[in-house]
Amino acid sequence: MFAPAILTRLVAHYVAAPRPAVSVRLAGLTPREREVLQLIGAGLSNDEIAAALVIAAKTVKTHITHLLAKLAARDRAQLVIAAYDAGLVRPR
């Protein structure tokens, strides 16, 4: 887990760095995976995502596992960056 201030600075750093087109990488995601990615990008916990989408926490974990694989992300922080890159989340 990262403190919000550190995560914000980390995201700002990576948003400024050039990366492959995110839209191409997101093309393989299901609509539900996009929803989960958006909520991860917004900083919600697994339990908060489960409540927001009215699904089980275990289902959220499964979606996150799929997102990590499909986006070749190492961790949740990289998923947050992907959500920002894709325009699913905007900096406050």
N, C-alpha and C. Protein backbone atom coordinates (compact mmCIF):
# COMPACT_ATOMS: atom_id res chain seq x y z
N MET A 1 0.84 -1.17 0.00
CA MET A 1 0.00 0.00 0.00
C MET A 1 0.89 1.24 0.00
N PHE A 2 0.44 2.27 -0.69
CA PHE A 2 1.15 3.53 -0.76
C PHE A 2 0.32 4.61 -0.10
N ALA A 3 0.99 5.57 0.52
CA ALA A 3 0.29 6.73 1.04
C ALA A 3 -0.24 7.51 -0.16
N PRO A 4 -1.42 8.12 -0.04
CA PRO A 4 -2.01 8.83 -1.17
C PRO A 4 -1.08 9.87 -1.80
N ALA A 5 -0.33 10.61 -0.98
CA ALA A 5 0.57 11.63 -1.52
C ALA A 5 1.68 11.01 -2.36
N ILE A 6 2.20 9.89 -1.90
CA ILE A 6 3.27 9.21 -2.64
C ILE A 6 2.71 8.63 -3.93
N LEU A 7 1.55 8.02 -3.86
CA LEU A 7 0.94 7.44 -5.05
C LEU A 7 0.63 8.52 -6.09
N THR A 8 0.17 9.67 -5.64
CA THR A 8 -0.12 10.77 -6.56
C THR A 8 1.14 11.22 -7.28
N ARG A 9 2.24 11.35 -6.55
CA ARG A 9 3.50 11.75 -7.18
C ARG A 9 4.01 10.67 -8.11
N LEU A 10 3.86 9.42 -7.73
CA LEU A 10 4.29 8.31 -8.57
C LEU A 10 3.49 8.30 -9.88
N VAL A 11 2.19 8.46 -9.78
CA VAL A 11 1.34 8.49 -10.97
C VAL A 11 1.71 9.67 -11.86
N ALA A 12 1.92 10.84 -11.27
CA ALA A 12 2.29 12.02 -12.05
C ALA A 12 3.58 11.79 -12.82
N HIS A 13 4.53 11.12 -12.19
CA HIS A 13 5.81 10.81 -12.86
C HIS A 13 5.59 9.90 -14.05
N TYR A 14 4.81 8.85 -13.87
CA TYR A 14 4.61 7.89 -14.94
C TYR A 14 3.68 8.39 -16.03
N VAL A 15 2.75 9.25 -15.69
CA VAL A 15 1.86 9.81 -16.70
C VAL A 15 2.65 10.66 -17.68
N ALA A 16 3.70 11.31 -17.19
CA ALA A 16 4.53 12.15 -18.04
C ALA A 16 5.48 11.35 -18.92
N ALA A 17 5.76 10.10 -18.57
CA ALA A 17 6.70 9.28 -19.32
C ALA A 17 6.02 8.66 -20.54
N PRO A 18 6.73 8.56 -21.69
CA PRO A 18 6.13 7.94 -22.88
C PRO A 18 5.95 6.43 -22.69
N ARG A 19 4.81 5.93 -23.13
CA ARG A 19 4.49 4.50 -23.04
C ARG A 19 3.72 4.07 -24.27
N PRO A 20 3.62 2.76 -24.51
CA PRO A 20 2.82 2.30 -25.65
C PRO A 20 1.37 2.75 -25.49
N ALA A 21 0.70 2.86 -26.60
CA ALA A 21 -0.70 3.30 -26.58
C ALA A 21 -1.52 2.42 -25.66
N VAL A 22 -2.11 3.05 -24.65
CA VAL A 22 -2.89 2.31 -23.67
C VAL A 22 -4.16 1.78 -24.29
N SER A 23 -4.74 2.52 -25.22
CA SER A 23 -6.00 2.08 -25.81
C SER A 23 -5.84 0.72 -26.47
N VAL A 24 -4.67 0.46 -27.04
CA VAL A 24 -4.42 -0.85 -27.65
C VAL A 24 -4.41 -1.93 -26.57
N ARG A 25 -3.75 -1.63 -25.44
CA ARG A 25 -3.67 -2.62 -24.37
C ARG A 25 -5.03 -2.85 -23.71
N LEU A 26 -5.87 -1.82 -23.66
CA LEU A 26 -7.17 -1.96 -23.01
C LEU A 26 -8.21 -2.62 -23.92
N ALA A 27 -7.89 -2.76 -25.19
CA ALA A 27 -8.84 -3.33 -26.14
C ALA A 27 -9.27 -4.74 -25.74
N GLY A 28 -8.41 -5.48 -25.08
CA GLY A 28 -8.72 -6.85 -24.69
C GLY A 28 -9.45 -7.00 -23.38
N LEU A 29 -9.79 -5.88 -22.73
CA LEU A 29 -10.48 -5.95 -21.45
C LEU A 29 -11.99 -6.05 -21.63
N THR A 30 -12.61 -6.76 -20.72
CA THR A 30 -14.07 -6.82 -20.71
C THR A 30 -14.60 -5.52 -20.11
N PRO A 31 -15.87 -5.21 -20.35
CA PRO A 31 -16.44 -4.01 -19.72
C PRO A 31 -16.31 -4.02 -18.19
N ARG A 32 -16.49 -5.18 -17.57
CA ARG A 32 -16.38 -5.27 -16.11
C ARG A 32 -14.93 -5.03 -15.66
N GLU A 33 -13.97 -5.55 -16.42
CA GLU A 33 -12.57 -5.32 -16.08
C GLU A 33 -12.24 -3.83 -16.18
N ARG A 34 -12.82 -3.15 -17.16
CA ARG A 34 -12.61 -1.70 -17.27
C ARG A 34 -13.20 -0.98 -16.06
N GLU A 35 -14.37 -1.42 -15.61
CA GLU A 35 -14.97 -0.82 -14.41
C GLU A 35 -14.08 -1.00 -13.20
N VAL A 36 -13.58 -2.22 -13.03
CA VAL A 36 -12.70 -2.51 -11.89
C VAL A 36 -11.43 -1.67 -11.99
N LEU A 37 -10.86 -1.57 -13.19
CA LEU A 37 -9.66 -0.76 -13.38
C LEU A 37 -9.92 0.70 -13.03
N GLN A 38 -11.07 1.22 -13.43
CA GLN A 38 -11.41 2.60 -13.11
C GLN A 38 -11.50 2.81 -11.60
N LEU A 39 -12.10 1.87 -10.91
CA LEU A 39 -12.26 1.99 -9.46
C LEU A 39 -10.92 1.82 -8.74
N ILE A 40 -10.05 0.96 -9.27
CA ILE A 40 -8.70 0.84 -8.72
C ILE A 40 -7.98 2.17 -8.88
N GLY A 41 -8.11 2.75 -10.06
CA GLY A 41 -7.49 4.05 -10.33
C GLY A 41 -8.00 5.14 -9.41
N ALA A 42 -9.25 5.02 -8.99
CA ALA A 42 -9.84 6.00 -8.08
C ALA A 42 -9.42 5.77 -6.64
N GLY A 43 -8.67 4.69 -6.41
CA GLY A 43 -8.15 4.44 -5.07
C GLY A 43 -9.01 3.57 -4.17
N LEU A 44 -10.01 2.91 -4.73
CA LEU A 44 -10.87 2.06 -3.90
C LEU A 44 -10.18 0.75 -3.54
N SER A 45 -10.50 0.24 -2.37
CA SER A 45 -10.00 -1.06 -1.93
C SER A 45 -10.83 -2.16 -2.59
N ASN A 46 -10.38 -3.39 -2.46
CA ASN A 46 -11.14 -4.52 -3.03
C ASN A 46 -12.55 -4.58 -2.45
N ASP A 47 -12.66 -4.38 -1.14
CA ASP A 47 -13.98 -4.43 -0.51
C ASP A 47 -14.88 -3.30 -1.01
N GLU A 48 -14.31 -2.11 -1.20
CA GLU A 48 -15.08 -0.98 -1.71
C GLU A 48 -15.52 -1.21 -3.15
N ILE A 49 -14.64 -1.82 -3.95
CA ILE A 49 -14.99 -2.15 -5.34
C ILE A 49 -16.12 -3.17 -5.35
N ALA A 50 -16.00 -4.18 -4.51
CA ALA A 50 -17.04 -5.21 -4.43
C ALA A 50 -18.39 -4.59 -4.08
N ALA A 51 -18.39 -3.69 -3.12
CA ALA A 51 -19.65 -3.04 -2.72
C ALA A 51 -20.20 -2.16 -3.84
N ALA A 52 -19.33 -1.43 -4.50
CA ALA A 52 -19.77 -0.53 -5.57
C ALA A 52 -20.36 -1.29 -6.75
N LEU A 53 -19.79 -2.46 -7.05
CA LEU A 53 -20.25 -3.24 -8.21
C LEU A 53 -21.22 -4.36 -7.83
N VAL A 54 -21.50 -4.48 -6.55
CA VAL A 54 -22.39 -5.52 -6.02
C VAL A 54 -21.92 -6.90 -6.48
N ILE A 55 -20.65 -7.18 -6.20
CA ILE A 55 -20.06 -8.49 -6.48
C ILE A 55 -19.25 -8.92 -5.26
N ALA A 56 -18.85 -10.16 -5.23
CA ALA A 56 -18.06 -10.68 -4.11
C ALA A 56 -16.63 -10.17 -4.18
N ALA A 57 -16.00 -10.02 -3.03
CA ALA A 57 -14.60 -9.59 -2.96
C ALA A 57 -13.70 -10.57 -3.71
N LYS A 58 -14.03 -11.84 -3.67
CA LYS A 58 -13.25 -12.84 -4.39
C LYS A 58 -13.33 -12.60 -5.91
N THR A 59 -14.48 -12.17 -6.38
CA THR A 59 -14.64 -11.86 -7.80
C THR A 59 -13.78 -10.66 -8.18
N VAL A 60 -13.70 -9.68 -7.29
CA VAL A 60 -12.83 -8.52 -7.53
C VAL A 60 -11.39 -8.99 -7.66
N LYS A 61 -10.96 -9.86 -6.78
CA LYS A 61 -9.59 -10.38 -6.84
C LYS A 61 -9.34 -11.10 -8.17
N THR A 62 -10.32 -11.83 -8.65
CA THR A 62 -10.19 -12.52 -9.93
C THR A 62 -10.03 -11.50 -11.06
N HIS A 63 -10.85 -10.45 -11.04
CA HIS A 63 -10.73 -9.41 -12.06
C HIS A 63 -9.35 -8.75 -12.01
N ILE A 64 -8.86 -8.50 -10.81
CA ILE A 64 -7.53 -7.88 -10.67
C ILE A 64 -6.45 -8.80 -11.21
N THR A 65 -6.55 -10.08 -10.95
CA THR A 65 -5.60 -11.05 -11.50
C THR A 65 -5.60 -11.00 -13.02
N HIS A 66 -6.79 -10.94 -13.61
CA HIS A 66 -6.90 -10.85 -15.07
C HIS A 66 -6.31 -9.54 -15.59
N LEU A 67 -6.59 -8.44 -14.88
CA LEU A 67 -6.04 -7.14 -15.29
C LEU A 67 -4.52 -7.14 -15.24
N LEU A 68 -3.96 -7.68 -14.19
CA LEU A 68 -2.50 -7.75 -14.07
C LEU A 68 -1.90 -8.51 -15.25
N ALA A 69 -2.51 -9.62 -15.60
CA ALA A 69 -2.00 -10.43 -16.71
C ALA A 69 -2.18 -9.73 -18.05
N LYS A 70 -3.38 -9.22 -18.29
CA LYS A 70 -3.68 -8.61 -19.59
C LYS A 70 -2.89 -7.33 -19.84
N LEU A 71 -2.61 -6.59 -18.78
CA LEU A 71 -1.90 -5.32 -18.93
C LEU A 71 -0.41 -5.46 -18.62
N ALA A 72 0.03 -6.68 -18.34
CA ALA A 72 1.44 -6.95 -18.02
C ALA A 72 1.91 -6.03 -16.90
N ALA A 73 1.06 -5.89 -15.90
CA ALA A 73 1.38 -5.03 -14.75
C ALA A 73 1.92 -5.89 -13.62
N ARG A 74 2.88 -5.33 -12.88
CA ARG A 74 3.48 -6.06 -11.77
C ARG A 74 2.65 -5.97 -10.50
N ASP A 75 1.97 -4.84 -10.33
CA ASP A 75 1.26 -4.62 -9.08
C ASP A 75 0.11 -3.63 -9.27
N ARG A 76 -0.57 -3.38 -8.18
CA ARG A 76 -1.74 -2.49 -8.20
C ARG A 76 -1.36 -1.07 -8.61
N ALA A 77 -0.18 -0.62 -8.22
CA ALA A 77 0.27 0.73 -8.59
C ALA A 77 0.34 0.88 -10.10
N GLN A 78 0.81 -0.14 -10.79
CA GLN A 78 0.85 -0.08 -12.25
C GLN A 78 -0.55 -0.09 -12.85
N LEU A 79 -1.50 -0.73 -12.19
CA LEU A 79 -2.88 -0.68 -12.66
C LEU A 79 -3.44 0.74 -12.51
N VAL A 80 -3.08 1.42 -11.43
CA VAL A 80 -3.50 2.81 -11.24
C VAL A 80 -2.96 3.66 -12.38
N ILE A 81 -1.71 3.46 -12.71
CA ILE A 81 -1.09 4.22 -13.80
C ILE A 81 -1.81 3.93 -15.11
N ALA A 82 -2.13 2.66 -15.37
CA ALA A 82 -2.85 2.30 -16.59
C ALA A 82 -4.21 2.98 -16.64
N ALA A 83 -4.89 3.06 -15.50
CA ALA A 83 -6.19 3.72 -15.46
C ALA A 83 -6.06 5.20 -15.81
N TYR A 84 -5.01 5.85 -15.31
CA TYR A 84 -4.77 7.26 -15.65
C TYR A 84 -4.41 7.40 -17.12
N ASP A 85 -3.53 6.53 -17.61
CA ASP A 85 -3.12 6.58 -19.01
C ASP A 85 -4.31 6.42 -19.95
N ALA A 86 -5.25 5.58 -19.56
CA ALA A 86 -6.41 5.31 -20.40
C ALA A 86 -7.47 6.39 -20.31
N GLY A 87 -7.28 7.32 -19.39
CA GLY A 87 -8.27 8.37 -19.23
C GLY A 87 -9.47 7.92 -18.41
N LEU A 88 -9.36 6.78 -17.74
CA LEU A 88 -10.46 6.29 -16.91
C LEU A 88 -10.56 7.08 -15.62
N VAL A 89 -9.44 7.70 -15.23
CA VAL A 89 -9.37 8.48 -14.00
C VAL A 89 -8.63 9.77 -14.33
N ARG A 90 -9.06 10.85 -13.75
CA ARG A 90 -8.41 12.15 -13.95
C ARG A 90 -7.80 12.62 -12.63
N PRO A 91 -6.62 13.25 -12.70
CA PRO A 91 -6.03 13.81 -11.45
C PRO A 91 -6.96 14.85 -10.86
N ARG A 92 -6.99 14.92 -9.55
CA ARG A 92 -7.84 15.91 -8.88
C ARG A 92 -7.15 17.24 -8.81
